[in-house]
Amino acid sequence: MHPYTDVAILGAGLAGLSIASWLVGMTPQHVSAPRVHLLEARQEDTNDRTWCFWDQQPHPFREVISHRWPRWQVRFGNQCVEREDSEHCYSLLSANAMRRSAYAAIATRPEFRLTRGIDVGTISPQNDGLHIATSQGGLTSKLVIDTRPPDTTMLPSHRGVWQVFHGVEVHCPEHGIPLSTACLMDFQTGFSGVNFVYLLPLDDHRLLAEWTCFHSDKTHPDCQRLLSRQIPVQLSDWLNQRLGSQWTLSRQETGCLPMMPVTPPQLNSRYLAAGIRGGWMRPATGYMFASCQRGAADVARQVHQASQTGRWQLTPPLLRSPALEWMDNVFLQALRQSPEQAPGWFMQLFEQTSAIEQRRFLGDEPRLRDLLAIMRGLPAGPFLSAAFRLTRNS
């Protein structure tokens, strides 16, 4: 491993590869790019993630989106609320497609390199940059962008919940579910926390179904069952009830995401925490892709400017307004206080807001009138109580 680079990106997941892809895109081919070294702990890639989002803004991965749904719905018992926006569809990007696109972009620049199977240790300031201790030797970099998962010390779990999920892609001939509609939430009762099934029809024979739980305690048995390798009984039962017994398993994905305000680590102006570690994931929704692209574009512009001016420093991108962050914190507090009421809140919210208000708010791009519409769509009592408690505890 070469001991020097201009930019070290720790982690080659969505955030790290997005920053690299944006940087490739904004650097003309005839212009030298900064030397970028991505350090990834995994030896091999697995198709273990999908990212879903409303495709509202340009990004490097638009051409490899595999599925788009112009309609989306939420369900609770016999209730169903559906909205439609054919110009800005709900979209799906697989981990494999994202990586293939990013690797192809990186391959066009000789200044970029990716090292796999490398563990990162301490990061220490030096006169000419930051020194990174790794399992393959030391690396000195002018800038370090750290996209590794956050440490537990960065996660104030008392201020949010955990999003724990177990997803399965299944094959079911002629399943009969409309291909134009994504079911964002089909709420399920009788379990601890807030539980719902997320259902995406991929084609006439394939579905992606995910059992998700919002819970204040990720060690709860209901959460641990979702994280096991075996399909949770509740998800298997739901599939049997909805599809019959003719479905077969194609692949699985599990995860546990912190729906809480992350406190990013700080070292100096040459170090930047990014991705979930940098607080880029939307706390109140768990959506990551749209805010990650805005953050990645901002960081890539800073890196490009630093390489042109020789002033090697980074500042955290401003991804959300203080008003939106406050609303998210109030919502998370309400969710912790009264999880049993959450299905009713969501149904009321979707019923009383329009498609454009929903996609902009959930897609992390709300305007003031969208925020006001969301506030009007939620019951005043529980959220005023949550706001008061949040203020009192701050």
Protein backbone atom coordinates (compact mmCIF):
# COMPACT_ATOMS: atom_id res chain seq x y z
CA MET A 1 0.00 0.00 0.00
CA HIS A 2 1.34 3.43 -0.97
CA PRO A 3 1.95 5.41 2.25
CA TYR A 4 0.59 8.76 1.00
CA THR A 5 -2.65 9.99 -0.57
CA ASP A 6 -4.65 13.18 -0.84
CA VAL A 7 -7.99 11.78 0.34
CA ALA A 8 -8.63 8.64 2.36
CA ILE A 9 -12.24 7.43 2.38
CA LEU A 10 -12.82 4.92 5.17
CA GLY A 11 -15.53 2.55 4.01
CA ALA A 12 -16.75 1.72 0.51
CA GLY A 13 -20.47 1.54 1.16
CA LEU A 14 -23.15 3.93 -0.08
CA ALA A 15 -21.60 7.09 1.40
CA GLY A 16 -18.00 6.36 0.45
CA LEU A 17 -18.78 5.25 -3.10
CA SER A 18 -21.24 8.13 -3.59
CA ILE A 19 -18.56 10.68 -2.66
CA ALA A 20 -16.10 9.01 -5.05
CA SER A 21 -18.71 8.90 -7.85
CA TRP A 22 -19.64 12.56 -7.45
CA LEU A 23 -15.97 13.52 -7.45
CA VAL A 24 -15.32 11.59 -10.67
CA GLY A 25 -18.33 13.25 -12.27
CA MET A 26 -17.26 16.80 -11.45
CA THR A 27 -13.61 16.39 -12.51
CA PRO A 28 -13.08 16.79 -16.29
CA GLN A 29 -11.23 13.86 -17.81
CA HIS A 30 -8.35 16.07 -18.99
CA VAL A 31 -7.88 17.53 -15.47
CA SER A 32 -5.92 15.69 -12.79
CA ALA A 33 -8.06 14.54 -9.88
CA PRO A 34 -6.84 14.34 -6.28
CA ARG A 35 -5.43 10.98 -5.25
CA VAL A 36 -8.27 9.09 -3.53
CA HIS A 37 -7.80 5.86 -1.60
CA LEU A 38 -10.88 3.96 -0.42
CA LEU A 39 -10.26 1.54 2.44
CA GLU A 40 -12.87 -1.23 2.81
CA ALA A 41 -12.88 -3.87 5.56
CA ARG A 42 -14.87 -6.44 3.59
CA GLN A 43 -13.03 -8.80 1.26
CA GLU A 44 -16.07 -9.42 -0.94
CA ASP A 45 -19.31 -7.64 -1.78
CA THR A 46 -22.73 -9.09 -1.06
CA ASN A 47 -26.07 -7.95 -2.41
CA ASP A 48 -27.25 -7.31 1.14
CA ARG A 49 -28.95 -3.94 0.82
CA THR A 50 -31.49 -2.02 -1.20
CA TRP A 51 -32.08 1.71 -0.99
CA CYS A 52 -35.50 3.16 -1.72
CA PHE A 53 -36.27 6.83 -2.23
CA TRP A 54 -38.33 9.31 -4.21
CA ASP A 55 -36.22 10.12 -7.25
CA GLN A 56 -36.41 13.90 -7.04
CA GLN A 57 -32.87 15.19 -7.68
CA PRO A 58 -29.96 14.26 -10.00
CA HIS A 59 -27.44 11.72 -8.69
CA PRO A 60 -24.79 9.40 -10.17
CA PHE A 61 -26.92 6.25 -9.91
CA ARG A 62 -30.08 7.27 -11.74
CA GLU A 63 -29.33 5.04 -14.74
CA VAL A 64 -29.08 1.89 -12.61
CA ILE A 65 -32.36 2.25 -10.71
CA SER A 66 -34.08 -1.09 -11.21
CA HIS A 67 -37.69 -0.38 -10.19
CA ARG A 68 -40.03 2.61 -9.99
CA TRP A 69 -43.51 2.76 -8.47
CA PRO A 70 -45.72 5.79 -9.27
CA ARG A 71 -48.10 4.89 -6.39
CA TRP A 72 -47.48 4.24 -2.71
CA GLN A 73 -49.78 3.33 0.14
CA VAL A 74 -50.01 2.74 3.89
CA ARG A 75 -52.38 0.21 5.46
CA PHE A 76 -53.76 -0.58 8.91
CA GLY A 77 -56.36 -3.33 9.14
CA ASN A 78 -59.06 -2.50 6.61
CA GLN A 79 -57.85 1.08 6.15
CA CYS A 80 -55.73 2.03 3.15
CA VAL A 81 -54.42 5.43 2.03
CA GLU A 82 -52.85 5.68 -1.42
CA ARG A 83 -51.08 8.51 -3.22
CA GLU A 84 -49.62 8.87 -6.72
CA ASP A 85 -46.87 10.96 -8.35
CA SER A 86 -45.75 9.58 -11.71
CA GLU A 87 -43.14 12.31 -12.23
CA HIS A 88 -41.21 11.48 -9.05
CA CYS A 89 -41.62 7.76 -8.51
CA TYR A 90 -40.70 5.76 -5.46
CA SER A 91 -37.54 4.01 -6.66
CA LEU A 92 -35.28 1.10 -5.76
CA LEU A 93 -31.51 0.79 -6.12
CA SER A 94 -29.77 -2.44 -5.20
CA ALA A 95 -26.37 -2.61 -3.53
CA ASN A 96 -24.98 -4.59 -6.46
CA ALA A 97 -26.13 -2.01 -9.02
CA MET A 98 -24.81 0.89 -6.95
CA ARG A 99 -21.41 -0.75 -6.54
CA ARG A 100 -21.09 -1.71 -10.21
CA SER A 101 -21.82 1.88 -11.21
CA ALA A 102 -19.37 3.32 -8.69
CA TYR A 103 -16.61 0.85 -9.56
CA ALA A 104 -16.99 1.69 -13.25
CA ALA A 105 -16.66 5.41 -12.47
CA ILE A 106 -13.62 4.87 -10.25
CA ALA A 107 -11.95 2.75 -12.94
CA THR A 108 -11.87 5.77 -15.28
CA ARG A 109 -9.52 7.65 -12.93
CA PRO A 110 -5.97 6.39 -12.35
CA GLU A 111 -5.79 8.59 -9.25
CA PHE A 112 -8.42 6.45 -7.48
CA ARG A 113 -7.76 3.13 -5.78
CA LEU A 114 -9.73 0.71 -3.60
CA THR A 115 -8.12 -1.61 -1.04
CA ARG A 116 -10.21 -4.43 0.43
CA GLY A 117 -9.78 -6.50 3.56
CA ILE A 118 -8.12 -3.67 5.47
CA ASP A 119 -8.89 -2.73 9.07
CA VAL A 120 -8.49 0.84 10.25
CA GLY A 121 -7.11 1.68 13.68
CA THR A 122 -6.19 5.06 15.12
CA ILE A 123 -6.24 8.34 13.21
CA SER A 124 -3.61 10.84 14.41
CA PRO A 125 -2.97 14.46 13.35
CA GLN A 126 0.37 15.25 11.74
CA ASN A 127 1.83 18.44 10.29
CA ASP A 128 1.05 17.43 6.72
CA GLY A 129 -2.26 15.68 7.29
CA LEU A 130 -3.63 12.72 9.23
CA HIS A 131 -1.89 9.42 9.85
CA ILE A 132 -4.07 6.31 9.66
CA ALA A 133 -2.91 3.11 11.30
CA THR A 134 -4.19 0.10 9.34
CA SER A 135 -3.74 -3.66 9.26
CA GLN A 136 -1.64 -3.20 6.12
CA GLY A 137 0.62 -0.44 7.40
CA GLY A 138 0.40 3.30 7.91
CA LEU A 139 -1.21 5.77 5.52
CA THR A 140 -0.85 9.56 5.62
CA SER A 141 -3.63 11.56 3.98
CA LYS A 142 -4.33 15.26 3.60
CA LEU A 143 -8.03 14.58 4.22
CA VAL A 144 -9.87 11.71 5.88
CA ILE A 145 -13.57 11.04 5.20
CA ASP A 146 -14.84 8.47 7.67
CA THR A 147 -17.97 6.58 6.60
CA ARG A 148 -17.60 3.61 8.95
CA PRO A 149 -20.61 2.69 11.14
CA PRO A 150 -20.96 4.92 14.20
CA ASP A 151 -19.64 3.84 17.57
CA THR A 152 -22.21 3.35 20.33
CA THR A 153 -20.86 6.45 22.09
CA MET A 154 -22.18 8.55 19.20
CA LEU A 155 -25.75 7.24 19.55
CA PRO A 156 -28.02 8.81 22.19
CA SER A 157 -30.47 5.90 22.25
CA HIS A 158 -32.60 7.67 24.89
CA ARG A 159 -33.53 10.21 22.18
CA GLY A 160 -34.76 7.83 19.52
CA VAL A 161 -35.56 4.28 18.48
CA TRP A 162 -33.94 1.48 16.53
CA GLN A 163 -35.20 0.41 13.12
CA VAL A 164 -34.75 -3.36 13.05
CA PHE A 165 -35.75 -5.25 9.92
CA HIS A 166 -35.69 -8.62 8.21
CA GLY A 167 -36.33 -8.53 4.48
CA VAL A 168 -36.82 -11.36 2.01
CA GLU A 169 -36.99 -11.47 -1.75
CA VAL A 170 -39.38 -14.25 -2.69
CA HIS A 171 -40.52 -15.92 -5.90
CA CYS A 172 -44.27 -16.45 -6.14
CA PRO A 173 -45.81 -17.23 -9.54
CA GLU A 174 -48.67 -14.88 -10.44
CA HIS A 175 -48.80 -13.26 -7.00
CA GLY A 176 -51.45 -10.79 -8.23
CA ILE A 177 -50.17 -7.73 -6.34
CA PRO A 178 -50.36 -4.53 -8.46
CA LEU A 179 -46.92 -3.77 -9.90
CA SER A 180 -47.46 0.01 -9.86
CA THR A 181 -47.87 0.32 -6.07
CA ALA A 182 -45.34 0.19 -3.24
CA CYS A 183 -46.76 -0.56 0.20
CA LEU A 184 -44.66 1.51 2.59
CA MET A 185 -46.35 0.34 5.78
CA ASP A 186 -48.85 -2.42 6.50
CA PHE A 187 -49.12 -2.12 10.27
CA GLN A 188 -49.20 -5.25 12.42
CA THR A 189 -50.42 -5.45 16.02
CA GLY A 190 -49.68 -7.80 18.90
CA PHE A 191 -45.93 -7.16 18.99
CA SER A 192 -43.64 -4.94 21.04
CA GLY A 193 -42.80 -1.59 19.43
CA VAL A 194 -44.17 -0.35 16.11
CA ASN A 195 -44.35 -3.18 13.57
CA PHE A 196 -45.22 -3.13 9.89
CA VAL A 197 -44.62 -5.00 6.66
CA TYR A 198 -43.01 -3.17 3.74
CA LEU A 199 -43.93 -4.72 0.38
CA LEU A 200 -42.46 -4.01 -3.06
CA PRO A 201 -43.66 -5.98 -6.12
CA LEU A 202 -40.62 -6.44 -8.38
CA ASP A 203 -42.35 -8.21 -11.28
CA ASP A 204 -45.19 -10.68 -11.86
CA HIS A 205 -43.33 -13.40 -9.96
CA ARG A 206 -41.03 -11.62 -7.46
CA LEU A 207 -41.63 -9.58 -4.32
CA LEU A 208 -39.51 -7.87 -1.70
CA ALA A 209 -41.19 -8.11 1.71
CA GLU A 210 -39.70 -6.70 4.90
CA TRP A 211 -40.86 -6.93 8.49
CA THR A 212 -39.76 -3.76 10.27
CA CYS A 213 -39.90 -2.85 13.94
CA PHE A 214 -39.32 0.58 15.51
CA HIS A 215 -38.22 -0.18 19.05
CA SER A 216 -36.48 1.65 21.90
CA ASP A 217 -34.55 -1.50 22.86
CA LYS A 218 -32.73 -3.36 20.10
CA THR A 219 -31.96 -6.22 22.52
CA HIS A 220 -35.67 -7.02 22.95
CA PRO A 221 -36.47 -10.60 21.87
CA ASP A 222 -38.77 -9.37 19.08
CA CYS A 223 -35.86 -7.39 17.63
CA GLN A 224 -33.36 -10.19 18.02
CA ARG A 225 -35.66 -12.57 16.14
CA LEU A 226 -35.67 -10.16 13.22
CA LEU A 227 -31.87 -10.15 13.13
CA SER A 228 -31.52 -13.94 13.06
CA ARG A 229 -30.65 -15.84 9.89
CA GLN A 230 -33.96 -17.68 10.00
CA ILE A 231 -37.06 -16.00 8.53
CA PRO A 232 -39.08 -14.66 11.50
CA VAL A 233 -42.26 -16.59 12.16
CA GLN A 234 -44.40 -13.45 11.93
CA LEU A 235 -43.04 -12.63 8.46
CA SER A 236 -43.45 -16.21 7.26
CA ASP A 237 -47.05 -16.25 8.56
CA TRP A 238 -47.79 -12.93 6.83
CA LEU A 239 -46.44 -14.24 3.53
CA ASN A 240 -48.48 -17.43 3.86
CA GLN A 241 -51.65 -15.46 4.55
CA ARG A 242 -51.05 -13.04 1.66
CA LEU A 243 -49.51 -15.37 -0.93
CA GLY A 244 -50.43 -18.88 0.12
CA SER A 245 -47.73 -21.52 0.42
CA GLN A 246 -46.36 -21.26 -3.13
CA TRP A 247 -43.59 -18.76 -2.44
CA THR A 248 -39.90 -19.64 -2.29
CA LEU A 249 -37.03 -17.68 -0.77
CA SER A 250 -34.47 -16.04 -3.10
CA ARG A 251 -32.41 -13.91 -0.70
CA GLN A 252 -32.53 -12.15 2.68
CA GLU A 253 -31.36 -8.87 4.19
CA THR A 254 -31.35 -7.78 7.82
CA GLY A 255 -30.30 -4.64 9.62
CA CYS A 256 -30.50 -2.45 12.69
CA LEU A 257 -30.41 1.30 12.03
CA PRO A 258 -30.24 4.10 14.62
CA MET A 259 -33.25 6.40 14.24
CA MET A 260 -31.77 9.03 16.52
CA PRO A 261 -29.62 12.17 16.23
CA VAL A 262 -26.02 11.01 15.77
CA THR A 263 -23.19 12.97 17.38
CA PRO A 264 -20.41 12.87 14.75
CA PRO A 265 -16.82 12.57 16.02
CA GLN A 266 -14.53 15.55 15.51
CA LEU A 267 -10.76 15.58 15.16
CA ASN A 268 -9.76 18.66 13.17
CA SER A 269 -10.66 20.38 9.89
CA ARG A 270 -8.96 17.62 7.86
CA TYR A 271 -11.30 14.94 9.24
CA LEU A 272 -14.98 14.56 8.39
CA ALA A 273 -17.49 11.93 9.53
CA ALA A 274 -19.92 11.06 6.74
CA GLY A 275 -22.82 8.70 6.07
CA ILE A 276 -24.68 7.40 9.11
CA ARG A 277 -21.57 8.21 11.18
CA GLY A 278 -21.94 11.84 10.13
CA GLY A 279 -25.68 12.00 10.85
CA TRP A 280 -26.69 11.88 7.19
CA MET A 281 -29.49 9.36 7.66
CA ARG A 282 -32.85 10.98 8.43
CA PRO A 283 -33.52 10.14 12.11
CA ALA A 284 -37.32 10.19 12.03
CA THR A 285 -37.76 8.13 8.85
CA GLY A 286 -34.65 5.98 8.41
CA TYR A 287 -34.38 7.12 4.78
CA MET A 288 -30.77 7.59 3.74
CA PHE A 289 -30.28 7.79 -0.02
CA ALA A 290 -31.43 11.33 -0.84
CA SER A 291 -29.63 13.03 2.04
CA CYS A 292 -26.56 10.90 1.36
CA GLN A 293 -26.43 12.17 -2.22
CA ARG A 294 -26.70 15.79 -1.13
CA GLY A 295 -23.99 15.26 1.46
CA ALA A 296 -21.76 13.38 -0.96
CA ALA A 297 -22.10 16.08 -3.63
CA ASP A 298 -21.22 18.77 -1.08
CA VAL A 299 -18.17 16.88 0.20
CA ALA A 300 -17.00 16.07 -3.34
CA ARG A 301 -17.18 19.77 -4.22
CA GLN A 302 -15.10 20.60 -1.16
CA VAL A 303 -12.49 17.98 -2.06
CA HIS A 304 -12.34 19.23 -5.65
CA GLN A 305 -11.89 22.81 -4.43
CA ALA A 306 -9.21 21.77 -1.93
CA SER A 307 -7.24 20.03 -4.69
CA GLN A 308 -7.38 23.22 -6.77
CA THR A 309 -6.49 25.68 -4.00
CA GLY A 310 -4.22 23.55 -1.81
CA ARG A 311 -6.29 24.40 1.28
CA TRP A 312 -7.03 20.93 2.58
CA GLN A 313 -9.97 21.20 4.94
CA LEU A 314 -13.57 20.06 5.16
CA THR A 315 -16.73 21.32 6.85
CA PRO A 316 -19.81 19.18 7.55
CA PRO A 317 -22.57 19.69 4.96
CA LEU A 318 -25.79 21.26 6.22
CA LEU A 319 -28.41 18.71 5.20
CA ARG A 320 -31.45 19.75 7.24
CA SER A 321 -32.90 22.94 8.63
CA PRO A 322 -33.11 23.42 12.40
CA ALA A 323 -36.90 23.33 12.07
CA LEU A 324 -36.83 19.90 10.42
CA GLU A 325 -34.39 18.55 13.01
CA TRP A 326 -36.63 19.82 15.81
CA MET A 327 -39.69 18.17 14.23
CA ASP A 328 -37.79 14.90 13.89
CA ASN A 329 -36.74 15.00 17.53
CA VAL A 330 -40.32 15.66 18.64
CA PHE A 331 -41.59 12.79 16.49
CA LEU A 332 -39.01 10.38 17.91
CA GLN A 333 -39.89 11.43 21.45
CA ALA A 334 -43.59 10.82 20.74
CA LEU A 335 -42.75 7.44 19.23
CA ARG A 336 -40.86 6.44 22.38
CA GLN A 337 -43.68 7.63 24.65
CA SER A 338 -46.62 6.05 22.82
CA PRO A 339 -45.60 3.43 20.24
CA GLU A 340 -49.05 1.82 20.34
CA GLN A 341 -50.56 5.02 18.89
CA ALA A 342 -48.11 5.28 15.98
CA PRO A 343 -50.17 3.34 13.36
CA GLY A 344 -53.06 5.74 13.84
CA TRP A 345 -50.72 8.74 13.56
CA PHE A 346 -49.26 7.52 10.30
CA MET A 347 -52.66 6.75 8.80
CA GLN A 348 -53.94 10.21 9.76
CA LEU A 349 -50.80 11.88 8.41
CA PHE A 350 -51.00 10.16 5.03
CA GLU A 351 -54.75 10.77 4.79
CA GLN A 352 -54.44 14.53 5.40
CA THR A 353 -51.40 15.32 3.22
CA SER A 354 -50.85 15.28 -0.53
CA ALA A 355 -48.46 13.15 -2.57
CA ILE A 356 -46.08 16.05 -3.16
CA GLU A 357 -46.05 16.99 0.53
CA GLN A 358 -45.34 13.39 1.49
CA ARG A 359 -42.53 12.75 -0.98
CA ARG A 360 -40.78 16.03 -0.22
CA PHE A 361 -41.03 15.55 3.54
CA LEU A 362 -40.07 11.86 3.55
CA GLY A 363 -37.48 12.51 0.83
CA ASP A 364 -35.73 15.02 3.11
CA GLU A 365 -36.47 18.03 0.90
CA PRO A 366 -39.47 19.74 2.54
CA ARG A 367 -40.45 23.34 2.02
CA LEU A 368 -41.99 25.42 4.78
CA ARG A 369 -45.52 24.75 3.58
CA ASP A 370 -44.79 21.01 3.61
CA LEU A 371 -43.68 21.19 7.24
CA LEU A 372 -46.84 23.08 8.14
CA ALA A 373 -48.97 20.48 6.33
CA ILE A 374 -47.22 17.67 8.22
CA MET A 375 -47.80 19.43 11.55
CA ARG A 376 -51.50 19.87 10.73
CA GLY A 377 -51.71 16.19 9.77
CA LEU A 378 -50.59 14.92 13.17
CA PRO A 379 -52.67 14.90 16.38
CA ALA A 380 -51.81 17.90 18.55
CA GLY A 381 -51.99 16.31 22.01
CA PRO A 382 -49.28 13.62 21.85
CA PHE A 383 -46.87 15.83 19.94
CA LEU A 384 -47.29 18.86 22.20
CA SER A 385 -46.59 16.53 25.13
CA ALA A 386 -43.51 15.18 23.37
CA ALA A 387 -42.30 18.69 22.54
CA PHE A 388 -42.73 19.76 26.17
CA ARG A 389 -40.87 16.74 27.46
CA LEU A 390 -38.09 17.23 24.90
CA THR A 391 -37.70 20.87 25.90
CA ARG A 392 -37.70 20.00 29.59
CA ASN A 393 -35.01 17.34 29.15
CA SER A 394 -32.75 19.37 26.88
